[in-house]
């Protein structure tokens, strides 16, 4: 099987909008921490300011306030945030709050800092050298994994990978999965395309539209590299990344042809267009 089109996908470092990983919602708190840290940094680190005993939060109150903030503002809906402990930072008027952030069966630990009066929160302390080293290691691992996968995997039209798996069905109909987020530019490009295409197959497929959702995490974990958008068509064809290297019209034709292949060319009105039939013959 061959495919001349190439998708623009997450997993390629540096491409705008492509690294908002669905699993990467766990990293949103880190990014928010960087942004807020820069903002509050302009006002100075509150080491010398003192608070009266009456105005200072108790450790458990600081922990609860931090959990509320992270849950409401720093992570996507459906992400669990659990308090580990709260400790005083020696020589400062700060609490250090450790939390676990969990989604899609994965957990990471993060540390935040709050002034004892509860007015300033530093969502993430970053050891710069360690962070830079970690990012470089991740990039190298991703590049190696991508090269290894590309050398082994068979692709078809639209740069979709052919899984070799049995077609997954729901009530006898192939399941079409879309994984994405409103905060992802590539997802915002791809989502209306696949939503419009799948609407033409009503009654012949089951469309699982996962926007900012942790549903179908097992499917996402199996077919995605951890980035979005991810499209899984009947568990037979899948792709991480949008088809933005094609225009929307061509991407729609590719999706239509692949879904027609899953539905035995039904409905007829969607699958008998000459351009669609030509693409089906290339699968």
C-alpha atoms as a PDB file:
ATOM      1  CA  UNK A   1       0.000   0.000   0.000  1.00  0.00           C
ATOM      2  CA  UNK A   2       1.214   3.463  -0.750  1.00  0.00           C
ATOM      3  CA  UNK A   3       0.272   7.030  -0.018  1.00  0.00           C
ATOM      4  CA  UNK A   4       1.687  10.155  -1.565  1.00  0.00           C
ATOM      5  CA  UNK A   5       0.232  12.596   0.968  1.00  0.00           C
ATOM      6  CA  UNK A   6       2.106  13.490   4.114  1.00  0.00           C
ATOM      7  CA  UNK A   7       0.455  14.637   7.322  1.00  0.00           C
ATOM      8  CA  UNK A   8       1.686  17.369   9.600  1.00  0.00           C
ATOM      9  CA  UNK A   9       1.811  15.695  12.937  1.00  0.00           C
ATOM     10  CA  UNK A  10       2.766  15.988  16.527  1.00  0.00           C
ATOM     11  CA  UNK A  11       5.926  14.196  17.470  1.00  0.00           C
ATOM     12  CA  UNK A  12       8.100  16.513  15.357  1.00  0.00           C
ATOM     13  CA  UNK A  13       9.716  18.968  17.802  1.00  0.00           C
ATOM     14  CA  UNK A  14       9.274  22.614  16.972  1.00  0.00           C
ATOM     15  CA  UNK A  15       6.159  22.437  14.803  1.00  0.00           C
ATOM     16  CA  UNK A  16       3.567  24.943  16.012  1.00  0.00           C
ATOM     17  CA  UNK A  17       0.530  23.477  17.639  1.00  0.00           C
ATOM     18  CA  UNK A  18       1.724  19.910  17.308  1.00  0.00           C
ATOM     19  CA  UNK A  19       3.135  19.275  20.750  1.00  0.00           C
ATOM     20  CA  UNK A  20      -0.063  19.688  22.751  1.00  0.00           C
ATOM     21  CA  UNK A  21      -0.043  16.023  23.698  1.00  0.00           C
ATOM     22  CA  UNK A  22      -3.209  14.396  24.859  1.00  0.00           C
ATOM     23  CA  UNK A  23      -1.118  12.773  27.520  1.00  0.00           C
ATOM     24  CA  UNK A  24       0.684  16.113  27.520  1.00  0.00           C
ATOM     25  CA  UNK A  25      -2.184  17.632  29.516  1.00  0.00           C
ATOM     26  CA  UNK A  26      -0.042  16.592  32.448  1.00  0.00           C
ATOM     27  CA  UNK A  27       2.517  19.133  31.272  1.00  0.00           C
ATOM     28  CA  UNK A  28       0.042  21.998  31.133  1.00  0.00           C
ATOM     29  CA  UNK A  29       0.679  22.742  34.773  1.00  0.00           C
ATOM     30  CA  UNK A  30       4.366  23.067  34.001  1.00  0.00           C
ATOM     31  CA  UNK A  31       3.749  25.533  31.199  1.00  0.00           C
ATOM     32  CA  UNK A  32       1.331  27.552  33.310  1.00  0.00           C
ATOM     33  CA  UNK A  33       3.953  27.496  36.047  1.00  0.00           C
ATOM     34  CA  UNK A  34       6.530  28.971  33.713  1.00  0.00           C
ATOM     35  CA  UNK A  35       4.168  31.731  32.613  1.00  0.00           C
ATOM     36  CA  UNK A  36       2.955  32.632  36.084  1.00  0.00           C
ATOM     37  CA  UNK A  37       6.465  32.358  37.467  1.00  0.00           C
ATOM     38  CA  UNK A  38       7.629  34.974  34.979  1.00  0.00           C
ATOM     39  CA  UNK A  39       4.758  37.292  35.876  1.00  0.00           C
ATOM     40  CA  UNK A  40       5.096  37.101  39.641  1.00  0.00           C
ATOM     41  CA  UNK A  41       8.873  37.139  39.291  1.00  0.00           C
ATOM     42  CA  UNK A  42       8.586  40.759  38.258  1.00  0.00           C
ATOM     43  CA  UNK A  43       7.406  41.562  41.769  1.00  0.00           C
ATOM     44  CA  UNK A  44      10.253  39.767  43.516  1.00  0.00           C
ATOM     45  CA  UNK A  45      10.464  36.491  45.390  1.00  0.00           C
ATOM     46  CA  UNK A  46       8.735  36.956  48.779  1.00  0.00           C
ATOM     47  CA  UNK A  47      11.550  35.901  51.074  1.00  0.00           C
ATOM     48  CA  UNK A  48      11.649  38.768  53.516  1.00  0.00           C
ATOM     49  CA  UNK A  49       8.009  39.768  53.837  1.00  0.00           C
ATOM     50  CA  UNK A  50       6.542  38.632  57.142  1.00  0.00           C
ATOM     51  CA  UNK A  51       3.018  37.610  58.002  1.00  0.00           C
ATOM     52  CA  UNK A  52       1.263  37.582  61.303  1.00  0.00           C
ATOM     53  CA  UNK A  53       0.176  34.266  62.711  1.00  0.00           C
ATOM     54  CA  UNK A  54      -3.405  35.331  62.166  1.00  0.00           C
ATOM     55  CA  UNK A  55      -2.950  35.951  58.424  1.00  0.00           C
ATOM     56  CA  UNK A  56      -0.847  32.855  57.698  1.00  0.00           C
ATOM     57  CA  UNK A  57      -2.559  29.795  56.270  1.00  0.00           C
ATOM     58  CA  UNK A  58      -2.183  26.479  57.990  1.00  0.00           C
ATOM     59  CA  UNK A  59      -0.290  23.902  55.885  1.00  0.00           C
ATOM     60  CA  UNK A  60      -3.454  21.933  55.166  1.00  0.00           C
ATOM     61  CA  UNK A  61      -5.194  25.112  53.990  1.00  0.00           C
ATOM     62  CA  UNK A  62      -2.307  25.926  51.665  1.00  0.00           C
ATOM     63  CA  UNK A  63      -2.500  22.404  50.264  1.00  0.00           C
ATOM     64  CA  UNK A  64      -6.237  22.647  49.619  1.00  0.00           C
ATOM     65  CA  UNK A  65      -5.870  26.054  47.984  1.00  0.00           C
ATOM     66  CA  UNK A  66      -3.105  24.774  45.700  1.00  0.00           C
ATOM     67  CA  UNK A  67      -5.149  21.725  44.665  1.00  0.00           C
ATOM     68  CA  UNK A  68      -8.122  23.966  43.855  1.00  0.00           C
ATOM     69  CA  UNK A  69      -5.978  26.308  41.765  1.00  0.00           C
ATOM     70  CA  UNK A  70      -4.251  23.565  39.766  1.00  0.00           C
ATOM     71  CA  UNK A  71      -7.516  21.697  39.183  1.00  0.00           C
ATOM     72  CA  UNK A  72      -9.412  24.787  38.047  1.00  0.00           C
ATOM     73  CA  UNK A  73      -6.761  26.621  36.039  1.00  0.00           C
ATOM     74  CA  UNK A  74      -3.639  24.578  35.290  1.00  0.00           C
ATOM     75  CA  UNK A  75      -4.804  21.227  33.891  1.00  0.00           C
ATOM     76  CA  UNK A  76      -7.454  20.006  31.486  1.00  0.00           C
ATOM     77  CA  UNK A  77     -10.808  18.628  32.671  1.00  0.00           C
ATOM     78  CA  UNK A  78     -10.613  15.004  33.803  1.00  0.00           C
ATOM     79  CA  UNK A  79      -7.071  15.252  35.156  1.00  0.00           C
ATOM     80  CA  UNK A  80      -6.789  14.161  38.801  1.00  0.00           C
ATOM     81  CA  UNK A  81      -4.716  16.228  41.222  1.00  0.00           C
ATOM     82  CA  UNK A  82      -3.831  14.661  44.603  1.00  0.00           C
ATOM     83  CA  UNK A  83      -1.977  16.269  47.499  1.00  0.00           C
ATOM     84  CA  UNK A  84       1.157  14.458  48.701  1.00  0.00           C
ATOM     85  CA  UNK A  85       2.409  16.793  51.418  1.00  0.00           C
ATOM     86  CA  UNK A  86       2.990  20.402  52.478  1.00  0.00           C
ATOM     87  CA  UNK A  87       6.280  21.520  54.052  1.00  0.00           C
ATOM     88  CA  UNK A  88       7.715  24.856  55.144  1.00  0.00           C
ATOM     89  CA  UNK A  89      10.650  26.218  53.147  1.00  0.00           C
ATOM     90  CA  UNK A  90      13.382  27.125  55.612  1.00  0.00           C
ATOM     91  CA  UNK A  91      14.331  30.811  55.684  1.00  0.00           C
ATOM     92  CA  UNK A  92      11.323  31.946  53.662  1.00  0.00           C
ATOM     93  CA  UNK A  93       7.655  32.622  54.151  1.00  0.00           C
ATOM     94  CA  UNK A  94       6.738  29.857  51.739  1.00  0.00           C
ATOM     95  CA  UNK A  95       5.118  26.475  51.786  1.00  0.00           C
ATOM     96  CA  UNK A  96       6.278  23.805  49.340  1.00  0.00           C
ATOM     97  CA  UNK A  97       3.344  21.709  48.144  1.00  0.00           C
ATOM     98  CA  UNK A  98       3.928  18.356  46.422  1.00  0.00           C
ATOM     99  CA  UNK A  99       1.112  16.891  44.305  1.00  0.00           C
ATOM    100  CA  UNK A 100       0.492  13.972  41.989  1.00  0.00           C
ATOM    101  CA  UNK A 101      -1.123  14.817  38.619  1.00  0.00           C
ATOM    102  CA  UNK A 102      -2.730  11.827  36.913  1.00  0.00           C
ATOM    103  CA  UNK A 103      -4.468  11.146  33.601  1.00  0.00           C
ATOM    104  CA  UNK A 104      -4.748   8.305  31.108  1.00  0.00           C
ATOM    105  CA  UNK A 105      -3.166   5.898  33.594  1.00  0.00           C
ATOM    106  CA  UNK A 106      -0.028   8.013  33.970  1.00  0.00           C
ATOM    107  CA  UNK A 107       1.085  10.047  36.960  1.00  0.00           C
ATOM    108  CA  UNK A 108       3.710  12.729  37.458  1.00  0.00           C
ATOM    109  CA  UNK A 109       4.739  14.524  40.619  1.00  0.00           C
ATOM    110  CA  UNK A 110       4.932  18.322  40.696  1.00  0.00           C
ATOM    111  CA  UNK A 111       6.010  20.783  43.359  1.00  0.00           C
ATOM    112  CA  UNK A 112       4.423  24.196  43.862  1.00  0.00           C
ATOM    113  CA  UNK A 113       5.227  27.051  46.241  1.00  0.00           C
ATOM    114  CA  UNK A 114       2.721  29.300  48.019  1.00  0.00           C
ATOM    115  CA  UNK A 115       3.271  32.322  50.236  1.00  0.00           C
ATOM    116  CA  UNK A 116       1.987  31.659  53.710  1.00  0.00           C
ATOM    117  CA  UNK A 117      -0.707  34.286  53.327  1.00  0.00           C
ATOM    118  CA  UNK A 118      -2.027  32.358  50.327  1.00  0.00           C
ATOM    119  CA  UNK A 119      -1.799  35.311  47.947  1.00  0.00           C
ATOM    120  CA  UNK A 120       0.969  34.149  45.606  1.00  0.00           C
ATOM    121  CA  UNK A 121       1.398  30.714  44.055  1.00  0.00           C
ATOM    122  CA  UNK A 122       4.443  29.539  42.134  1.00  0.00           C
ATOM    123  CA  UNK A 123       3.047  26.450  40.377  1.00  0.00           C
ATOM    124  CA  UNK A 124       6.415  25.023  39.372  1.00  0.00           C
ATOM    125  CA  UNK A 125       9.977  25.295  40.537  1.00  0.00           C
ATOM    126  CA  UNK A 126      12.352  24.400  37.712  1.00  0.00           C
ATOM    127  CA  UNK A 127      15.932  23.204  37.944  1.00  0.00           C
ATOM    128  CA  UNK A 128      16.984  24.699  34.607  1.00  0.00           C
ATOM    129  CA  UNK A 129      19.901  22.404  33.774  1.00  0.00           C
ATOM    130  CA  UNK A 130      17.939  19.272  34.660  1.00  0.00           C
ATOM    131  CA  UNK A 131      14.934  20.475  32.675  1.00  0.00           C
ATOM    132  CA  UNK A 132      17.001  21.257  29.573  1.00  0.00           C
ATOM    133  CA  UNK A 133      18.729  17.882  29.794  1.00  0.00           C
ATOM    134  CA  UNK A 134      15.383  16.115  30.144  1.00  0.00           C
ATOM    135  CA  UNK A 135      13.938  17.924  27.117  1.00  0.00           C
ATOM    136  CA  UNK A 136      16.932  17.018  24.957  1.00  0.00           C
ATOM    137  CA  UNK A 137      16.705  13.381  26.023  1.00  0.00           C
ATOM    138  CA  UNK A 138      13.006  13.304  25.199  1.00  0.00           C
ATOM    139  CA  UNK A 139      13.622  14.832  21.774  1.00  0.00           C
ATOM    140  CA  UNK A 140      16.286  12.244  21.019  1.00  0.00           C
ATOM    141  CA  UNK A 141      14.047   9.395  22.177  1.00  0.00           C
ATOM    142  CA  UNK A 142      11.134  10.685  20.102  1.00  0.00           C
ATOM    143  CA  UNK A 143      13.273  11.043  16.989  1.00  0.00           C
ATOM    144  CA  UNK A 144      14.686   7.539  17.400  1.00  0.00           C
ATOM    145  CA  UNK A 145      11.221   6.086  18.003  1.00  0.00           C
ATOM    146  CA  UNK A 146       9.762   7.901  14.997  1.00  0.00           C
ATOM    147  CA  UNK A 147      12.561   6.683  12.724  1.00  0.00           C
ATOM    148  CA  UNK A 148      12.185   3.137  13.997  1.00  0.00           C
ATOM    149  CA  UNK A 149       8.426   3.170  13.538  1.00  0.00           C
ATOM    150  CA  UNK A 150       8.611   4.683  10.072  1.00  0.00           C
ATOM    151  CA  UNK A 151      11.061   2.019   8.960  1.00  0.00           C
ATOM    152  CA  UNK A 152       8.780  -0.796  10.114  1.00  0.00           C
ATOM    153  CA  UNK A 153       5.272   0.502   9.502  1.00  0.00           C
ATOM    154  CA  UNK A 154       3.264   0.256   6.328  1.00  0.00           C
ATOM    155  CA  UNK A 155       1.466   3.428   5.334  1.00  0.00           C
ATOM    156  CA  UNK A 156      -1.358   4.223   2.961  1.00  0.00           C
ATOM    157  CA  UNK A 157      -3.084   7.321   1.599  1.00  0.00           C
ATOM    158  CA  UNK A 158      -3.026  10.398   3.811  1.00  0.00           C
ATOM    159  CA  UNK A 159       0.071   9.059   5.567  1.00  0.00           C
ATOM    160  CA  UNK A 160      -2.107   6.787   7.673  1.00  0.00           C
ATOM    161  CA  UNK A 161      -0.407   3.774   9.207  1.00  0.00           C
ATOM    162  CA  UNK A 162      -1.888   0.354   8.525  1.00  0.00           C
ATOM    163  CA  UNK A 163      -2.121  -1.421  11.873  1.00  0.00           C
ATOM    164  CA  UNK A 164      -2.867  -4.943  10.736  1.00  0.00           C
ATOM    165  CA  UNK A 165      -5.450  -5.194  13.540  1.00  0.00           C
ATOM    166  CA  UNK A 166      -8.994  -6.456  13.181  1.00  0.00           C
ATOM    167  CA  UNK A 167     -11.564  -3.749  12.551  1.00  0.00           C
ATOM    168  CA  UNK A 168     -13.005  -2.598  15.879  1.00  0.00           C
ATOM    169  CA  UNK A 169     -16.782  -2.265  15.874  1.00  0.00           C
ATOM    170  CA  UNK A 170     -19.590  -1.027  18.068  1.00  0.00           C
ATOM    171  CA  UNK A 171     -23.054  -2.466  17.409  1.00  0.00           C
ATOM    172  CA  UNK A 172     -21.609  -3.983  14.261  1.00  0.00           C
ATOM    173  CA  UNK A 173     -20.329  -0.623  12.933  1.00  0.00           C
ATOM    174  CA  UNK A 174     -16.667   0.412  12.574  1.00  0.00           C
ATOM    175  CA  UNK A 175     -15.562   2.863  15.268  1.00  0.00           C
ATOM    176  CA  UNK A 176     -13.925   6.127  14.203  1.00  0.00           C
ATOM    177  CA  UNK A 177     -11.925   7.824  16.972  1.00  0.00           C
ATOM    178  CA  UNK A 178     -10.769  11.424  17.099  1.00  0.00           C
ATOM    179  CA  UNK A 179      -8.537  12.598  19.955  1.00  0.00           C
ATOM    180  CA  UNK A 180      -7.809  16.290  20.349  1.00  0.00           C
ATOM    181  CA  UNK A 181      -8.110  19.460  22.375  1.00  0.00           C
ATOM    182  CA  UNK A 182      -9.555  22.925  21.871  1.00  0.00           C
ATOM    183  CA  UNK A 183      -6.150  24.263  22.914  1.00  0.00           C
ATOM    184  CA  UNK A 184      -4.377  22.558  20.001  1.00  0.00           C
ATOM    185  CA  UNK A 185      -4.165  24.480  16.719  1.00  0.00           C
ATOM    186  CA  UNK A 186      -3.708  21.345  14.606  1.00  0.00           C
ATOM    187  CA  UNK A 187      -6.755  19.810  16.308  1.00  0.00           C
ATOM    188  CA  UNK A 188      -8.854  22.862  15.502  1.00  0.00           C
ATOM    189  CA  UNK A 189      -7.857  22.440  11.846  1.00  0.00           C
ATOM    190  CA  UNK A 190      -8.563  18.707  11.703  1.00  0.00           C
ATOM    191  CA  UNK A 191     -11.687  18.430  13.854  1.00  0.00           C
ATOM    192  CA  UNK A 192     -14.236  20.088  11.515  1.00  0.00           C
ATOM    193  CA  UNK A 193     -12.895  18.049   8.612  1.00  0.00           C
ATOM    194  CA  UNK A 194     -13.414  14.679  10.248  1.00  0.00           C
ATOM    195  CA  UNK A 195     -16.682  15.798  11.858  1.00  0.00           C
ATOM    196  CA  UNK A 196     -18.064  16.720   8.441  1.00  0.00           C
ATOM    197  CA  UNK A 197     -16.841  13.494   6.830  1.00  0.00           C
ATOM    198  CA  UNK A 198     -18.222  11.211   9.536  1.00  0.00           C
ATOM    199  CA  UNK A 199     -21.613  12.923   9.313  1.00  0.00           C
ATOM    200  CA  UNK A 200     -21.948  11.424   5.812  1.00  0.00           C
ATOM    201  CA  UNK A 201     -21.655   7.918   7.298  1.00  0.00           C
ATOM    202  CA  UNK A 202     -24.433   8.200   9.858  1.00  0.00           C
ATOM    203  CA  UNK A 203     -25.843   4.756  10.553  1.00  0.00           C
ATOM    204  CA  UNK A 204     -22.777   3.017   9.124  1.00  0.00           C
ATOM    205  CA  UNK A 205     -20.101   3.976  11.673  1.00  0.00           C
ATOM    206  CA  UNK A 206     -19.797   4.879  15.346  1.00  0.00           C
ATOM    207  CA  UNK A 207     -17.950   8.180  15.840  1.00  0.00           C
ATOM    208  CA  UNK A 208     -16.143   8.693  19.164  1.00  0.00           C
ATOM    209  CA  UNK A 209     -15.334  12.409  19.251  1.00  0.00           C
ATOM    210  CA  UNK A 210     -12.836  12.854  22.091  1.00  0.00           C
ATOM    211  CA  UNK A 211     -12.205  16.582  22.569  1.00  0.00           C
ATOM    212  CA  UNK A 212     -10.497  17.308  25.905  1.00  0.00           C
ATOM    213  CA  UNK A 213     -11.694  13.914  27.072  1.00  0.00           C
ATOM    214  CA  UNK A 214      -9.994  10.985  28.762  1.00  0.00           C
ATOM    215  CA  UNK A 215     -12.500   8.535  27.281  1.00  0.00           C
ATOM    216  CA  UNK A 216     -11.145   5.705  25.114  1.00  0.00           C
ATOM    217  CA  UNK A 217      -7.764   6.040  26.798  1.00  0.00           C
ATOM    218  CA  UNK A 218      -6.848   2.450  25.970  1.00  0.00           C
ATOM    219  CA  UNK A 219      -7.256   3.122  22.243  1.00  0.00           C
ATOM    220  CA  UNK A 220      -5.314   6.377  22.508  1.00  0.00           C
ATOM    221  CA  UNK A 221      -2.508   4.675  24.390  1.00  0.00           C
ATOM    222  CA  UNK A 222      -2.260   1.930  21.783  1.00  0.00           C
ATOM    223  CA  UNK A 223      -2.278   3.997  18.598  1.00  0.00           C
ATOM    224  CA  UNK A 224      -0.900   7.400  19.590  1.00  0.00           C
ATOM    225  CA  UNK A 225       2.633   8.487  20.407  1.00  0.00           C
ATOM    226  CA  UNK A 226       1.094  10.691  23.099  1.00  0.00           C
ATOM    227  CA  UNK A 227       0.433  13.679  20.857  1.00  0.00           C
ATOM    228  CA  UNK A 228      -2.690  15.096  19.276  1.00  0.00           C
ATOM    229  CA  UNK A 229      -4.578  15.173  17.055  1.00  0.00           C
ATOM    230  CA  UNK A 230      -4.737  11.410  16.722  1.00  0.00           C
ATOM    231  CA  UNK A 231      -7.166   9.731  14.327  1.00  0.00           C
ATOM    232  CA  UNK A 232      -7.949   6.014  14.574  1.00  0.00           C
ATOM    233  CA  UNK A 233     -10.173   4.671  11.820  1.00  0.00           C
ATOM    234  CA  UNK A 234     -11.679   1.347  12.766  1.00  0.00           C
ATOM    235  CA  UNK A 235      -8.415   0.387  14.504  1.00  0.00           C
ATOM    236  CA  UNK A 236      -7.159  -0.510  11.022  1.00  0.00           C
ATOM    237  CA  UNK A 237      -5.776   2.878  10.005  1.00  0.00           C
ATOM    238  CA  UNK A 238      -4.349   5.515  12.309  1.00  0.00           C
ATOM    239  CA  UNK A 239      -2.365   8.728  12.183  1.00  0.00           C
ATOM    240  CA  UNK A 240      -0.866  11.083  14.738  1.00  0.00           C
ATOM    241  CA  UNK A 241      -1.069  14.654  13.461  1.00  0.00           C
ATOM    242  CA  UNK A 242      -3.304  16.662  11.164  1.00  0.00           C
ATOM    243  CA  UNK A 243      -3.372  16.332   7.399  1.00  0.00           C
ATOM    244  CA  UNK A 244      -2.673  20.036   7.028  1.00  0.00           C
ATOM    245  CA  UNK A 245      -0.047  19.484   4.316  1.00  0.00           C
ATOM    246  CA  UNK A 246      -3.088  18.743   2.150  1.00  0.00           C
ATOM    247  CA  UNK A 247      -5.917  21.220   1.838  1.00  0.00           C
ATOM    248  CA  UNK A 248      -9.144  20.515   3.719  1.00  0.00           C
ATOM    249  CA  UNK A 249     -10.865  19.208   0.595  1.00  0.00           C
ATOM    250  CA  UNK A 250      -8.185  16.616  -0.116  1.00  0.00           C
ATOM    251  CA  UNK A 251      -8.006  15.582   3.530  1.00  0.00           C
ATOM    252  CA  UNK A 252     -11.777  15.045   3.494  1.00  0.00           C
ATOM    253  CA  UNK A 253     -11.480  12.852   0.393  1.00  0.00           C
ATOM    254  CA  UNK A 254      -8.735  10.748   2.013  1.00  0.00           C
ATOM    255  CA  UNK A 255     -10.788  10.245   5.180  1.00  0.00           C
ATOM    256  CA  UNK A 256     -13.858   9.390   3.132  1.00  0.00           C
ATOM    257  CA  UNK A 257     -11.984   6.777   1.095  1.00  0.00           C
ATOM    258  CA  UNK A 258     -10.511   5.114   4.188  1.00  0.00           C
ATOM    259  CA  UNK A 259     -13.873   4.982   5.953  1.00  0.00           C
ATOM    260  CA  UNK A 260     -15.526   3.630   2.798  1.00  0.00           C
ATOM    261  CA  UNK A 261     -12.968   0.835   2.875  1.00  0.00           C
ATOM    262  CA  UNK A 262     -14.150   0.003   6.410  1.00  0.00           C
ATOM    263  CA  UNK A 263     -17.867   0.076   5.544  1.00  0.00           C
ATOM    264  CA  UNK A 264     -17.705  -1.961   2.326  1.00  0.00           C
ATOM    265  CA  UNK A 265     -18.326   1.215   0.317  1.00  0.00           C
ATOM    266  CA  UNK A 266     -21.475   2.254   2.131  1.00  0.00           C
ATOM    267  CA  UNK A 267     -23.358   4.490   1.891  1.00  0.00           C
ATOM    268  CA  UNK A 268     -23.233   4.478  -1.893  1.00  0.00           C
ATOM    269  CA  UNK A 269     -23.658   8.232  -2.209  1.00  0.00           C
ATOM    270  CA  UNK A 270     -20.499   8.821  -0.157  1.00  0.00           C
ATOM    271  CA  UNK A 271     -18.325   6.146  -1.747  1.00  0.00           C
ATOM    272  CA  UNK A 272     -19.048   6.153  -5.485  1.00  0.00           C
ATOM    273  CA  UNK A 273     -17.634   9.537  -6.426  1.00  0.00           C
ATOM    274  CA  UNK A 274     -14.917   8.891  -9.062  1.00  0.00           C
ATOM    275  CA  UNK A 275     -12.228  10.695  -7.026  1.00  0.00           C
ATOM    276  CA  UNK A 276     -13.120   8.695  -3.929  1.00  0.00           C
ATOM    277  CA  UNK A 277     -13.077   5.430  -5.884  1.00  0.00           C
ATOM    278  CA  UNK A 278      -9.619   6.334  -7.256  1.00  0.00           C
ATOM    279  CA  UNK A 279      -8.330   6.851  -3.718  1.00  0.00           C
ATOM    280  CA  UNK A 280      -9.932   3.623  -2.502  1.00  0.00           C
ATOM    281  CA  UNK A 281      -8.012   1.762  -5.197  1.00  0.00           C
ATOM    282  CA  UNK A 282      -4.754   3.195  -3.776  1.00  0.00           C
ATOM    283  CA  UNK A 283      -5.362   1.886  -0.253  1.00  0.00           C
END
